[in-house]
N, C-alpha and C. Protein backbone atom coordinates (compact mmCIF):
# COMPACT_ATOMS: atom_id res chain seq x y z
N MET A 1 56.05 44.97 9.05
CA MET A 1 55.25 45.60 8.01
C MET A 1 55.03 47.06 8.39
N SER A 2 55.44 47.97 7.56
CA SER A 2 55.28 49.39 7.88
C SER A 2 54.28 50.09 6.98
N ASP A 3 53.85 49.43 5.91
CA ASP A 3 52.89 50.05 5.00
C ASP A 3 51.49 49.94 5.57
N ARG A 4 50.69 50.96 5.32
CA ARG A 4 49.30 50.93 5.74
C ARG A 4 48.47 50.40 4.59
N VAL A 5 47.42 49.67 4.92
CA VAL A 5 46.55 49.11 3.90
C VAL A 5 45.10 49.46 4.23
N ILE A 6 44.27 49.46 3.21
CA ILE A 6 42.84 49.68 3.40
C ILE A 6 42.18 48.31 3.43
N LEU A 7 41.35 48.07 4.43
CA LEU A 7 40.64 46.82 4.56
C LEU A 7 39.15 47.07 4.38
N LYS A 8 38.48 46.17 3.71
CA LYS A 8 37.06 46.28 3.47
C LYS A 8 36.29 45.70 4.66
N VAL A 9 35.21 46.38 5.04
CA VAL A 9 34.33 45.89 6.08
C VAL A 9 33.07 45.36 5.39
N SER A 10 32.74 44.10 5.65
CA SER A 10 31.57 43.49 5.01
C SER A 10 30.29 44.06 5.62
N PRO A 11 29.14 43.85 4.97
CA PRO A 11 27.87 44.30 5.55
C PRO A 11 27.61 43.70 6.94
N GLN A 12 28.21 42.54 7.23
CA GLN A 12 28.06 41.91 8.54
C GLN A 12 29.06 42.45 9.57
N GLY A 13 29.89 43.38 9.15
CA GLY A 13 30.88 43.97 10.06
C GLY A 13 32.16 43.18 10.17
N GLN A 14 32.40 42.27 9.24
CA GLN A 14 33.61 41.45 9.28
C GLN A 14 34.72 42.09 8.45
N VAL A 15 35.93 41.92 8.93
CA VAL A 15 37.13 42.42 8.24
C VAL A 15 38.05 41.25 7.98
N THR A 16 38.55 41.16 6.77
CA THR A 16 39.54 40.13 6.44
C THR A 16 40.91 40.78 6.43
N LEU A 17 41.81 40.23 7.24
CA LEU A 17 43.16 40.77 7.29
C LEU A 17 44.00 40.17 6.17
N ARG A 18 44.80 40.99 5.55
CA ARG A 18 45.66 40.53 4.46
C ARG A 18 46.77 39.64 5.01
N ARG A 19 47.28 38.77 4.17
CA ARG A 19 48.33 37.82 4.59
C ARG A 19 49.52 38.52 5.22
N GLU A 20 49.93 39.62 4.62
CA GLU A 20 51.12 40.31 5.15
C GLU A 20 50.86 40.92 6.53
N VAL A 21 49.62 41.32 6.79
CA VAL A 21 49.27 41.84 8.11
C VAL A 21 49.34 40.70 9.13
N LEU A 22 48.74 39.57 8.80
CA LEU A 22 48.80 38.42 9.70
C LEU A 22 50.23 37.94 9.92
N ALA A 23 51.01 37.92 8.86
CA ALA A 23 52.41 37.50 8.99
C ALA A 23 53.18 38.43 9.92
N ALA A 24 52.92 39.72 9.82
CA ALA A 24 53.61 40.69 10.68
C ALA A 24 53.24 40.48 12.15
N LEU A 25 52.05 39.91 12.40
CA LEU A 25 51.61 39.61 13.76
C LEU A 25 51.96 38.18 14.18
N ARG A 26 52.69 37.48 13.34
CA ARG A 26 53.11 36.09 13.57
C ARG A 26 51.93 35.12 13.52
N ASN A 27 50.99 35.40 12.64
CA ASN A 27 49.85 34.52 12.34
C ASN A 27 49.06 34.06 13.56
N PRO A 28 48.52 35.01 14.33
CA PRO A 28 47.76 34.62 15.52
C PRO A 28 46.43 33.96 15.15
N ARG A 29 45.93 33.12 16.03
CA ARG A 29 44.62 32.50 15.83
C ARG A 29 43.51 33.37 16.41
N HIS A 30 43.86 34.20 17.40
CA HIS A 30 42.90 35.11 18.01
C HIS A 30 43.55 36.48 18.19
N LEU A 31 42.74 37.51 18.07
CA LEU A 31 43.21 38.87 18.28
C LEU A 31 42.39 39.52 19.38
N GLU A 32 43.04 40.32 20.19
CA GLU A 32 42.36 41.15 21.16
C GLU A 32 42.08 42.48 20.45
N ALA A 33 40.87 43.01 20.60
CA ALA A 33 40.50 44.26 19.93
C ALA A 33 39.91 45.24 20.93
N TRP A 34 40.23 46.54 20.74
CA TRP A 34 39.64 47.60 21.54
C TRP A 34 39.73 48.89 20.75
N VAL A 35 38.97 49.87 21.18
CA VAL A 35 39.00 51.19 20.54
C VAL A 35 39.66 52.17 21.49
N GLU A 36 40.63 52.87 20.98
CA GLU A 36 41.39 53.83 21.78
C GLU A 36 41.38 55.17 21.05
N HIS A 37 40.71 56.14 21.61
CA HIS A 37 40.62 57.48 21.01
C HIS A 37 40.15 57.41 19.55
N GLY A 38 39.14 56.59 19.30
CA GLY A 38 38.58 56.48 17.95
C GLY A 38 39.37 55.62 16.98
N THR A 39 40.40 54.94 17.47
CA THR A 39 41.23 54.08 16.62
C THR A 39 41.05 52.63 17.04
N LEU A 40 40.78 51.77 16.06
CA LEU A 40 40.69 50.34 16.33
C LEU A 40 42.08 49.79 16.54
N MET A 41 42.28 49.13 17.66
CA MET A 41 43.58 48.55 17.99
C MET A 41 43.42 47.04 18.01
N LEU A 42 44.38 46.33 17.43
CA LEU A 42 44.40 44.87 17.41
C LEU A 42 45.77 44.39 17.85
N ARG A 43 45.79 43.30 18.62
CA ARG A 43 47.06 42.65 18.94
C ARG A 43 46.79 41.17 19.17
N PRO A 44 47.79 40.35 18.97
CA PRO A 44 47.60 38.92 19.22
C PRO A 44 47.14 38.70 20.67
N ALA A 45 46.17 37.83 20.83
CA ALA A 45 45.60 37.58 22.15
C ALA A 45 46.37 36.50 22.88
N VAL A 46 47.64 36.78 23.14
CA VAL A 46 48.48 35.91 23.94
C VAL A 46 48.96 36.74 25.11
N SER A 47 48.59 36.34 26.29
CA SER A 47 48.93 37.12 27.48
C SER A 47 50.24 36.65 28.07
N ALA A 48 50.97 37.59 28.60
CA ALA A 48 52.23 37.26 29.24
C ALA A 48 52.00 36.76 30.66
N THR A 49 50.91 37.20 31.28
CA THR A 49 50.66 36.83 32.67
C THR A 49 49.25 36.27 32.83
N LEU A 50 49.07 35.53 33.90
CA LEU A 50 47.76 34.99 34.21
C LEU A 50 46.76 36.11 34.50
N ALA A 51 47.21 37.16 35.16
CA ALA A 51 46.33 38.29 35.47
C ALA A 51 45.79 38.94 34.20
N GLU A 52 46.66 39.10 33.19
CA GLU A 52 46.21 39.67 31.91
C GLU A 52 45.19 38.76 31.24
N ALA A 53 45.45 37.45 31.27
CA ALA A 53 44.52 36.50 30.66
C ALA A 53 43.18 36.51 31.38
N GLU A 54 43.20 36.58 32.70
CA GLU A 54 41.95 36.65 33.46
C GLU A 54 41.17 37.91 33.13
N ALA A 55 41.87 39.02 32.98
CA ALA A 55 41.19 40.28 32.64
C ALA A 55 40.54 40.20 31.26
N MET A 56 41.21 39.56 30.31
CA MET A 56 40.68 39.47 28.95
C MET A 56 39.57 38.44 28.81
N PHE A 57 39.76 37.27 29.38
CA PHE A 57 38.88 36.14 29.09
C PHE A 57 37.94 35.75 30.22
N GLY A 58 38.17 36.25 31.42
CA GLY A 58 37.31 35.92 32.54
C GLY A 58 35.86 36.35 32.33
N LYS A 59 35.67 37.47 31.65
CA LYS A 59 34.31 37.97 31.37
C LYS A 59 33.54 37.01 30.47
N GLN A 60 34.25 36.19 29.73
CA GLN A 60 33.62 35.23 28.81
C GLN A 60 33.35 33.89 29.51
N GLY A 61 33.63 33.80 30.79
CA GLY A 61 33.36 32.58 31.54
C GLY A 61 34.46 31.54 31.47
N ILE A 62 35.62 31.93 30.95
CA ILE A 62 36.73 30.99 30.89
C ILE A 62 37.38 30.93 32.27
N THR A 63 37.49 29.72 32.81
CA THR A 63 37.98 29.55 34.19
C THR A 63 39.48 29.74 34.29
N ARG A 64 39.92 30.00 35.50
CA ARG A 64 41.35 30.17 35.80
C ARG A 64 42.14 28.91 35.43
N ASP A 65 41.57 27.74 35.73
CA ASP A 65 42.27 26.48 35.41
C ASP A 65 42.49 26.32 33.91
N VAL A 66 41.49 26.67 33.12
CA VAL A 66 41.63 26.59 31.66
C VAL A 66 42.70 27.57 31.18
N LEU A 67 42.70 28.76 31.74
CA LEU A 67 43.70 29.77 31.35
C LEU A 67 45.11 29.31 31.72
N ILE A 68 45.27 28.71 32.88
CA ILE A 68 46.59 28.23 33.29
C ILE A 68 47.10 27.19 32.30
N GLU A 69 46.23 26.26 31.92
CA GLU A 69 46.64 25.23 30.96
C GLU A 69 46.95 25.84 29.60
N ALA A 70 46.13 26.78 29.15
CA ALA A 70 46.36 27.43 27.85
C ALA A 70 47.69 28.18 27.84
N LEU A 71 47.98 28.90 28.90
CA LEU A 71 49.25 29.63 28.97
C LEU A 71 50.43 28.66 29.01
N ARG A 72 50.28 27.52 29.69
CA ARG A 72 51.35 26.53 29.71
C ARG A 72 51.63 26.00 28.30
N ILE A 73 50.58 25.74 27.56
CA ILE A 73 50.73 25.24 26.19
C ILE A 73 51.41 26.29 25.31
N VAL A 74 50.97 27.53 25.42
CA VAL A 74 51.56 28.61 24.61
C VAL A 74 53.05 28.74 24.92
N LYS A 75 53.41 28.72 26.19
CA LYS A 75 54.82 28.89 26.57
C LYS A 75 55.68 27.74 26.06
N THR A 76 55.15 26.51 26.05
CA THR A 76 55.94 25.39 25.54
C THR A 76 56.10 25.49 24.03
N ARG A 77 55.10 26.01 23.33
CA ARG A 77 55.20 26.16 21.87
C ARG A 77 56.15 27.28 21.48
N GLN A 78 56.28 28.28 22.34
CA GLN A 78 57.18 29.40 22.04
C GLN A 78 58.64 29.00 22.26
N GLY A 79 58.86 27.90 22.93
CA GLY A 79 60.22 27.40 23.12
C GLY A 79 60.82 27.95 24.32
């Protein structure tokens, strides 16, 4: 998807992504979000390495064992 779209922000601060945006990201269930130089950045929250997963999710109290199992499941689903 190369076209830019305008998304509405609700009074609660929620944004609904359009179907074509989600499809371009391969329909992720979770997104990692951060602000870089005043720009909101989003990407699917699937880590390639355990270290990346620990950096993202460790702050939320998700244990290393849970991350290892989650990454194993993701890798088997990707084929």
